[in-house]
PDB file of all heavy atoms in Angstrom:
ATOM      1  N   ALA A   1      22.438   5.973 -31.128  1.00  0.00           N
ATOM      2  CA  ALA A   1      21.316   6.185 -30.365  1.00  0.00           C
ATOM      3  C   ALA A   1      20.108   5.580 -31.116  1.00  0.00           C
ATOM      4  O   ALA A   1      19.162   5.069 -30.421  1.00  0.00           O
ATOM      5  CB  ALA A   1      21.150   7.730 -30.173  1.00  0.00           C
ATOM      6  N   LEU A   2      20.054   5.778 -32.398  1.00  0.00           N
ATOM      7  CA  LEU A   2      18.927   5.215 -33.163  1.00  0.00           C
ATOM      8  C   LEU A   2      18.902   3.750 -33.143  1.00  0.00           C
ATOM      9  O   LEU A   2      17.770   3.083 -33.248  1.00  0.00           O
ATOM     10  CB  LEU A   2      18.989   5.727 -34.642  1.00  0.00           C
ATOM     11  CG  LEU A   2      18.734   7.260 -34.871  1.00  0.00           C
ATOM     12  CD1 LEU A   2      18.931   7.578 -36.366  1.00  0.00           C
ATOM     13  CD2 LEU A   2      17.355   7.631 -34.325  1.00  0.00           C
ATOM     14  N   THR A   3      20.001   3.076 -32.962  1.00  0.00           N
ATOM     15  CA  THR A   3      20.124   1.713 -32.871  1.00  0.00           C
ATOM     16  C   THR A   3      19.599   1.212 -31.532  1.00  0.00           C
ATOM     17  O   THR A   3      18.905   0.138 -31.355  1.00  0.00           O
ATOM     18  CB  THR A   3      21.546   1.210 -32.999  1.00  0.00           C
ATOM     19  OG1 THR A   3      22.002   1.572 -34.353  1.00  0.00           O
ATOM     20  CG2 THR A   3      21.616  -0.355 -32.900  1.00  0.00           C
ATOM     21  N   THR A   4      19.876   2.032 -30.415  1.00  0.00           N
ATOM     22  CA  THR A   4      19.524   1.667 -29.122  1.00  0.00           C
ATOM     23  C   THR A   4      18.018   1.763 -28.798  1.00  0.00           C
ATOM     24  O   THR A   4      17.459   0.959 -28.116  1.00  0.00           O
ATOM     25  CB  THR A   4      20.274   2.485 -28.079  1.00  0.00           C
ATOM     26  OG1 THR A   4      21.709   2.339 -28.294  1.00  0.00           O
ATOM     27  CG2 THR A   4      19.984   2.144 -26.658  1.00  0.00           C
ATOM     28  N   VAL A   5      17.408   2.843 -29.437  1.00  0.00           N
ATOM     29  CA  VAL A   5      15.989   3.099 -29.171  1.00  0.00           C
ATOM     30  C   VAL A   5      15.114   1.903 -29.467  1.00  0.00           C
ATOM     31  O   VAL A   5      14.356   1.517 -28.588  1.00  0.00           O
ATOM     32  CB  VAL A   5      15.589   4.370 -29.903  1.00  0.00           C
ATOM     33  CG1 VAL A   5      14.018   4.474 -29.786  1.00  0.00           C
ATOM     34  CG2 VAL A   5      16.199   5.580 -29.235  1.00  0.00           C
ATOM     35  N   PRO A   6      15.191   1.330 -30.674  1.00  0.00           N
ATOM     36  CA  PRO A   6      14.248   0.208 -30.924  1.00  0.00           C
ATOM     37  C   PRO A   6      14.556  -1.033 -29.935  1.00  0.00           C
ATOM     38  O   PRO A   6      13.615  -1.677 -29.518  1.00  0.00           O
ATOM     39  CB  PRO A   6      14.598  -0.197 -32.307  1.00  0.00           C
ATOM     40  CG  PRO A   6      15.158   0.967 -32.992  1.00  0.00           C
ATOM     41  CD  PRO A   6      15.964   1.680 -31.900  1.00  0.00           C
ATOM     42  N   ALA A   7      15.812  -1.288 -29.670  1.00  0.00           N
ATOM     43  CA  ALA A   7      16.166  -2.385 -28.822  1.00  0.00           C
ATOM     44  C   ALA A   7      15.485  -2.179 -27.424  1.00  0.00           C
ATOM     45  O   ALA A   7      14.965  -3.132 -26.818  1.00  0.00           O
ATOM     46  CB  ALA A   7      17.609  -2.570 -28.734  1.00  0.00           C
ATOM     47  N   LEU A   8      15.619  -0.950 -26.882  1.00  0.00           N
ATOM     48  CA  LEU A   8      15.039  -0.664 -25.558  1.00  0.00           C
ATOM     49  C   LEU A   8      13.507  -0.835 -25.584  1.00  0.00           C
ATOM     50  O   LEU A   8      12.898  -1.383 -24.678  1.00  0.00           O
ATOM     51  CB  LEU A   8      15.435   0.713 -25.152  1.00  0.00           C
ATOM     52  CG  LEU A   8      16.897   0.836 -24.670  1.00  0.00           C
ATOM     53  CD1 LEU A   8      17.164   2.331 -24.351  1.00  0.00           C
ATOM     54  CD2 LEU A   8      17.218   0.040 -23.387  1.00  0.00           C
ATOM     55  N   LEU A   9      12.922  -0.322 -26.703  1.00  0.00           N
ATOM     56  CA  LEU A   9      11.441  -0.450 -26.795  1.00  0.00           C
ATOM     57  C   LEU A   9      10.967  -1.903 -26.839  1.00  0.00           C
ATOM     58  O   LEU A   9      10.075  -2.348 -26.129  1.00  0.00           O
ATOM     59  CB  LEU A   9      10.938   0.332 -27.997  1.00  0.00           C
ATOM     60  CG  LEU A   9      10.844   1.846 -27.996  1.00  0.00           C
ATOM     61  CD1 LEU A   9      10.550   2.399 -29.311  1.00  0.00           C
ATOM     62  CD2 LEU A   9       9.796   2.197 -26.912  1.00  0.00           C
ATOM     63  N   VAL A  10      11.693  -2.786 -27.558  1.00  0.00           N
ATOM     64  CA  VAL A  10      11.379  -4.137 -27.730  1.00  0.00           C
ATOM     65  C   VAL A  10      11.611  -4.812 -26.377  1.00  0.00           C
ATOM     66  O   VAL A  10      10.814  -5.669 -25.918  1.00  0.00           O
ATOM     67  CB  VAL A  10      12.165  -4.827 -28.767  1.00  0.00           C
ATOM     68  CG1 VAL A  10      12.069  -6.318 -28.757  1.00  0.00           C
ATOM     69  CG2 VAL A  10      11.787  -4.309 -30.205  1.00  0.00           C
ATOM     70  N   ALA A  11      12.687  -4.454 -25.680  1.00  0.00           N
ATOM     71  CA  ALA A  11      13.030  -4.996 -24.331  1.00  0.00           C
ATOM     72  C   ALA A  11      11.926  -4.773 -23.428  1.00  0.00           C
ATOM     73  O   ALA A  11      11.424  -5.542 -22.574  1.00  0.00           O
ATOM     74  CB  ALA A  11      14.373  -4.569 -23.885  1.00  0.00           C
ATOM     75  N   VAL A  12      11.432  -3.448 -23.368  1.00  0.00           N
ATOM     76  CA  VAL A  12      10.416  -3.080 -22.505  1.00  0.00           C
ATOM     77  C   VAL A  12       9.065  -3.801 -22.794  1.00  0.00           C
ATOM     78  O   VAL A  12       8.304  -4.251 -21.895  1.00  0.00           O
ATOM     79  CB  VAL A  12      10.218  -1.535 -22.490  1.00  0.00           C
ATOM     80  CG1 VAL A  12       8.854  -1.014 -21.777  1.00  0.00           C
ATOM     81  CG2 VAL A  12      11.397  -0.876 -21.861  1.00  0.00           C
ATOM     82  N   ILE A  13       8.805  -3.899 -24.100  1.00  0.00           N
ATOM     83  CA  ILE A  13       7.547  -4.547 -24.534  1.00  0.00           C
ATOM     84  C   ILE A  13       7.591  -6.002 -24.033  1.00  0.00           C
ATOM     85  O   ILE A  13       6.626  -6.558 -23.567  1.00  0.00           O
ATOM     86  CB  ILE A  13       7.397  -4.495 -26.121  1.00  0.00           C
ATOM     87  CG1 ILE A  13       7.011  -2.987 -26.443  1.00  0.00           C
ATOM     88  CG2 ILE A  13       6.221  -5.395 -26.556  1.00  0.00           C
ATOM     89  CD1 ILE A  13       7.046  -2.909 -27.995  1.00  0.00           C
ATOM     90  N   MET A  14       8.752  -6.666 -24.259  1.00  0.00           N
ATOM     91  CA  MET A  14       8.827  -8.024 -23.823  1.00  0.00           C
ATOM     92  C   MET A  14       8.735  -8.216 -22.245  1.00  0.00           C
ATOM     93  O   MET A  14       8.124  -9.082 -21.774  1.00  0.00           O
ATOM     94  CB  MET A  14      10.218  -8.542 -24.270  1.00  0.00           C
ATOM     95  CG  MET A  14      10.309  -8.761 -25.817  1.00  0.00           C
ATOM     96  SD  MET A  14       8.958  -9.853 -26.484  1.00  0.00           S
ATOM     97  CE  MET A  14       9.420 -11.454 -25.587  1.00  0.00           C
ATOM     98  N   SER A  15       9.365  -7.236 -21.595  1.00  0.00           N
ATOM     99  CA  SER A  15       9.294  -7.264 -20.099  1.00  0.00           C
ATOM    100  C   SER A  15       7.821  -7.031 -19.691  1.00  0.00           C
ATOM    101  O   SER A  15       7.308  -7.752 -18.827  1.00  0.00           O
ATOM    102  CB  SER A  15      10.161  -6.154 -19.547  1.00  0.00           C
ATOM    103  OG  SER A  15      10.021  -6.010 -18.067  1.00  0.00           O
ATOM    104  N   GLU A  16       7.177  -6.140 -20.313  1.00  0.00           N
ATOM    105  CA  GLU A  16       5.683  -5.910 -19.998  1.00  0.00           C
ATOM    106  C   GLU A  16       4.917  -7.097 -20.346  1.00  0.00           C
ATOM    107  O   GLU A  16       4.049  -7.508 -19.546  1.00  0.00           O
ATOM    108  CB  GLU A  16       5.116  -4.690 -20.769  1.00  0.00           C
ATOM    109  CG  GLU A  16       3.855  -4.183 -20.320  1.00  0.00           C
ATOM    110  CD  GLU A  16       3.539  -2.832 -20.961  1.00  0.00           C
ATOM    111  OE1 GLU A  16       4.259  -2.349 -21.892  1.00  0.00           O
ATOM    112  OE2 GLU A  16       2.499  -2.200 -20.660  1.00  0.00           O
ATOM    113  N   ARG A  17       5.235  -7.787 -21.405  1.00  0.00           N
ATOM    114  CA  ARG A  17       4.542  -8.973 -21.786  1.00  0.00           C
ATOM    115  C   ARG A  17       4.731 -10.095 -20.791  1.00  0.00           C
ATOM    116  O   ARG A  17       3.813 -10.841 -20.356  1.00  0.00           O
ATOM    117  CB  ARG A  17       4.896  -9.457 -23.176  1.00  0.00           C
ATOM    118  CG  ARG A  17       4.166 -10.688 -23.693  1.00  0.00           C
ATOM    119  CD  ARG A  17       4.584 -10.995 -25.171  1.00  0.00           C
ATOM    120  NE  ARG A  17       3.943 -12.237 -25.575  1.00  0.00           N
ATOM    121  CZ  ARG A  17       4.521 -13.372 -25.521  1.00  0.00           C
ATOM    122  NH1 ARG A  17       5.773 -13.536 -25.006  1.00  0.00           N
ATOM    123  NH2 ARG A  17       3.982 -14.417 -26.010  1.00  0.00           N
ATOM    124  N   ARG A  18       5.921 -10.260 -20.320  1.00  0.00           N
ATOM    125  CA  ARG A  18       6.290 -11.240 -19.296  1.00  0.00           C
ATOM    126  C   ARG A  18       5.600 -10.919 -18.032  1.00  0.00           C
ATOM    127  O   ARG A  18       5.075 -11.930 -17.385  1.00  0.00           O
ATOM    128  CB  ARG A  18       7.830 -11.249 -19.015  1.00  0.00           C
ATOM    129  CG  ARG A  18       8.598 -11.871 -20.262  1.00  0.00           C
ATOM    130  CD  ARG A  18      10.074 -12.130 -19.738  1.00  0.00           C
ATOM    131  NE  ARG A  18      10.842 -12.514 -20.858  1.00  0.00           N
ATOM    132  CZ  ARG A  18      11.738 -11.703 -21.442  1.00  0.00           C
ATOM    133  NH1 ARG A  18      11.917 -10.530 -21.065  1.00  0.00           N
ATOM    134  NH2 ARG A  18      12.513 -12.130 -22.499  1.00  0.00           N
ATOM    135  N   ARG A  19       5.511  -9.749 -17.661  1.00  0.00           N
ATOM    136  CA  ARG A  19       4.755  -9.370 -16.416  1.00  0.00           C
ATOM    137  C   ARG A  19       3.252  -9.751 -16.546  1.00  0.00           C
ATOM    138  O   ARG A  19       2.644 -10.216 -15.607  1.00  0.00           O
ATOM    139  CB  ARG A  19       4.892  -7.875 -16.156  1.00  0.00           C
ATOM    140  CG  ARG A  19       6.292  -7.523 -15.515  1.00  0.00           C
ATOM    141  CD  ARG A  19       6.265  -6.161 -14.872  1.00  0.00           C
ATOM    142  NE  ARG A  19       5.653  -5.149 -15.716  1.00  0.00           N
ATOM    143  CZ  ARG A  19       6.352  -4.428 -16.605  1.00  0.00           C
ATOM    144  NH1 ARG A  19       7.620  -4.610 -16.773  1.00  0.00           N
ATOM    145  NH2 ARG A  19       5.801  -3.516 -17.360  1.00  0.00           N
ATOM    146  N   GLU A  20       2.690  -9.421 -17.739  1.00  0.00           N
ATOM    147  CA  GLU A  20       1.299  -9.710 -17.907  1.00  0.00           C
ATOM    148  C   GLU A  20       1.002 -11.170 -17.922  1.00  0.00           C
ATOM    149  O   GLU A  20       0.112 -11.708 -17.358  1.00  0.00           O
ATOM    150  CB  GLU A  20       0.828  -9.085 -19.236  1.00  0.00           C
ATOM    151  CG  GLU A  20       0.759  -7.540 -19.243  1.00  0.00           C
ATOM    152  CD  GLU A  20       0.399  -6.929 -20.562  1.00  0.00           C
ATOM    153  OE1 GLU A  20       0.407  -7.746 -21.495  1.00  0.00           O
ATOM    154  OE2 GLU A  20       0.196  -5.739 -20.694  1.00  0.00           O
ATOM    155  N   LEU A  21       1.932 -11.864 -18.538  1.00  0.00           N
ATOM    156  CA  LEU A  21       1.826 -13.392 -18.492  1.00  0.00           C
ATOM    157  C   LEU A  21       1.958 -13.930 -17.153  1.00  0.00           C
ATOM    158  O   LEU A  21       1.301 -14.892 -16.770  1.00  0.00           O
ATOM    159  CB  LEU A  21       2.876 -14.042 -19.473  1.00  0.00           C
ATOM    160  CG  LEU A  21       2.588 -13.826 -20.948  1.00  0.00           C
ATOM    161  CD1 LEU A  21       3.721 -14.407 -21.815  1.00  0.00           C
ATOM    162  CD2 LEU A  21       1.208 -14.347 -21.480  1.00  0.00           C
ATOM    163  N   ALA A  22       2.927 -13.431 -16.457  1.00  0.00           N
ATOM    164  CA  ALA A  22       3.100 -13.818 -14.959  1.00  0.00           C
ATOM    165  C   ALA A  22       1.940 -13.505 -14.193  1.00  0.00           C
ATOM    166  O   ALA A  22       1.470 -14.329 -13.331  1.00  0.00           O
ATOM    167  CB  ALA A  22       4.335 -13.202 -14.459  1.00  0.00           C
ATOM    168  N   ALA A  23       1.293 -12.291 -14.458  1.00  0.00           N
ATOM    169  CA  ALA A  23       0.152 -11.852 -13.702  1.00  0.00           C
ATOM    170  C   ALA A  23      -1.060 -12.883 -14.016  1.00  0.00           C
ATOM    171  O   ALA A  23      -1.834 -13.314 -13.118  1.00  0.00           O
ATOM    172  CB  ALA A  23      -0.297 -10.574 -13.999  1.00  0.00           C
ATOM    173  N   LEU A  24      -1.158 -13.216 -15.288  1.00  0.00           N
ATOM    174  CA  LEU A  24      -2.262 -14.156 -15.759  1.00  0.00           C
ATOM    175  C   LEU A  24      -1.964 -15.542 -15.107  1.00  0.00           C
ATOM    176  O   LEU A  24      -2.906 -16.156 -14.652  1.00  0.00           O
ATOM    177  CB  LEU A  24      -2.196 -14.345 -17.245  1.00  0.00           C
ATOM    178  CG  LEU A  24      -2.714 -13.114 -18.035  1.00  0.00           C
ATOM    179  CD1 LEU A  24      -2.604 -13.351 -19.541  1.00  0.00           C
ATOM    180  CD2 LEU A  24      -4.262 -12.901 -17.694  1.00  0.00           C
ATOM    181  N   ASP A  25      -0.672 -15.932 -15.099  1.00  0.00           N
ATOM    182  CA  ASP A  25      -0.364 -17.190 -14.474  1.00  0.00           C
ATOM    183  C   ASP A  25      -0.672 -17.212 -12.993  1.00  0.00           C
ATOM    184  O   ASP A  25      -1.313 -18.249 -12.469  1.00  0.00           O
ATOM    185  CB  ASP A  25       1.092 -17.535 -14.673  1.00  0.00           C
ATOM    186  CG  ASP A  25       1.471 -18.849 -14.128  1.00  0.00           C
ATOM    187  OD1 ASP A  25       0.873 -19.838 -14.630  1.00  0.00           O
ATOM    188  OD2 ASP A  25       2.362 -18.939 -13.175  1.00  0.00           O
ATOM    189  N   ARG A  26      -0.393 -16.151 -12.259  1.00  0.00           N
ATOM    190  CA  ARG A  26      -0.711 -16.046 -10.822  1.00  0.00           C
ATOM    191  C   ARG A  26      -2.226 -16.006 -10.652  1.00  0.00           C
ATOM    192  O   ARG A  26      -2.763 -16.704  -9.748  1.00  0.00           O
ATOM    193  CB  ARG A  26      -0.124 -14.791 -10.191  1.00  0.00           C
ATOM    194  CG  ARG A  26       1.404 -14.816 -10.083  1.00  0.00           C
ATOM    195  CD  ARG A  26       1.810 -13.645  -9.254  1.00  0.00           C
ATOM    196  NE  ARG A  26       1.569 -12.323  -9.813  1.00  0.00           N
ATOM    197  CZ  ARG A  26       2.406 -11.714 -10.568  1.00  0.00           C
ATOM    198  NH1 ARG A  26       3.553 -12.172 -10.972  1.00  0.00           N
ATOM    199  NH2 ARG A  26       1.980 -10.475 -11.021  1.00  0.00           N
ATOM    200  N   ASP A  27      -2.934 -15.327 -11.490  1.00  0.00           N
ATOM    201  CA  ASP A  27      -4.398 -15.313 -11.421  1.00  0.00           C
ATOM    202  C   ASP A  27      -4.948 -16.617 -11.577  1.00  0.00           C
ATOM    203  O   ASP A  27      -5.923 -17.182 -10.979  1.00  0.00           O
ATOM    204  CB  ASP A  27      -5.060 -14.311 -12.350  1.00  0.00           C
ATOM    205  CG  ASP A  27      -4.647 -12.836 -11.985  1.00  0.00           C
ATOM    206  OD1 ASP A  27      -4.344 -12.593 -10.856  1.00  0.00           O
ATOM    207  OD2 ASP A  27      -4.815 -11.931 -12.856  1.00  0.00           O
ATOM    208  N   ALA A  28      -4.406 -17.350 -12.595  1.00  0.00           N
ATOM    209  CA  ALA A  28      -4.982 -18.746 -12.977  1.00  0.00           C
ATOM    210  C   ALA A  28      -4.597 -19.622 -11.746  1.00  0.00           C
ATOM    211  O   ALA A  28      -5.443 -20.466 -11.389  1.00  0.00           O
ATOM    212  CB  ALA A  28      -4.217 -19.222 -14.184  1.00  0.00           C
ATOM    213  N   GLN A  29      -3.368 -19.429 -11.215  1.00  0.00           N
ATOM    214  CA  GLN A  29      -3.102 -20.323  -9.986  1.00  0.00           C
ATOM    215  C   GLN A  29      -4.035 -19.958  -8.801  1.00  0.00           C
ATOM    216  O   GLN A  29      -4.526 -20.898  -8.120  1.00  0.00           O
ATOM    217  CB  GLN A  29      -1.671 -20.142  -9.536  1.00  0.00           C
ATOM    218  CG  GLN A  29      -0.654 -20.728 -10.515  1.00  0.00           C
ATOM    219  CD  GLN A  29       0.800 -20.465 -10.060  1.00  0.00           C
ATOM    220  OE1 GLN A  29       1.036 -19.766  -9.074  1.00  0.00           O
ATOM    221  NE2 GLN A  29       1.684 -21.171 -10.683  1.00  0.00           N
ATOM    222  N   ARG A  30      -4.278 -18.654  -8.585  1.00  0.00           N
ATOM    223  CA  ARG A  30      -5.246 -18.389  -7.578  1.00  0.00           C
ATOM    224  C   ARG A  30      -6.570 -18.849  -7.746  1.00  0.00           C
ATOM    225  O   ARG A  30      -7.211 -19.442  -6.798  1.00  0.00           O
ATOM    226  CB  ARG A  30      -5.294 -16.839  -7.274  1.00  0.00           C
ATOM    227  CG  ARG A  30      -3.987 -16.159  -6.847  1.00  0.00           C
ATOM    228  CD  ARG A  30      -4.209 -14.694  -6.557  1.00  0.00           C
ATOM    229  NE  ARG A  30      -2.908 -14.048  -6.248  1.00  0.00           N
ATOM    230  CZ  ARG A  30      -2.355 -13.133  -7.091  1.00  0.00           C
ATOM    231  NH1 ARG A  30      -2.918 -12.811  -8.217  1.00  0.00           N
ATOM    232  NH2 ARG A  30      -1.209 -12.552  -6.810  1.00  0.00           N
ATOM    233  N   LEU A  31      -7.131 -18.758  -9.009  1.00  0.00           N
ATOM    234  CA  LEU A  31      -8.362 -19.345  -9.404  1.00  0.00           C
ATOM    235  C   LEU A  31      -8.344 -20.858  -9.164  1.00  0.00           C
ATOM    236  O   LEU A  31      -9.339 -21.418  -8.559  1.00  0.00           O
ATOM    237  CB  LEU A  31      -8.707 -18.974 -10.751  1.00  0.00           C
ATOM    238  CG  LEU A  31     -10.044 -19.560 -11.323  1.00  0.00           C
ATOM    239  CD1 LEU A  31     -11.241 -19.035 -10.464  1.00  0.00           C
ATOM    240  CD2 LEU A  31     -10.293 -19.186 -12.780  1.00  0.00           C
TER     241      LEU A  31
END
């Protein structure tokens, strides 16, 4: 369980970062 927790946190952080980058990319394309 202690091994899984950090991996899940990192995965969610990376997923959130990808969404933010994708949102920035979409905003840049719209602009």
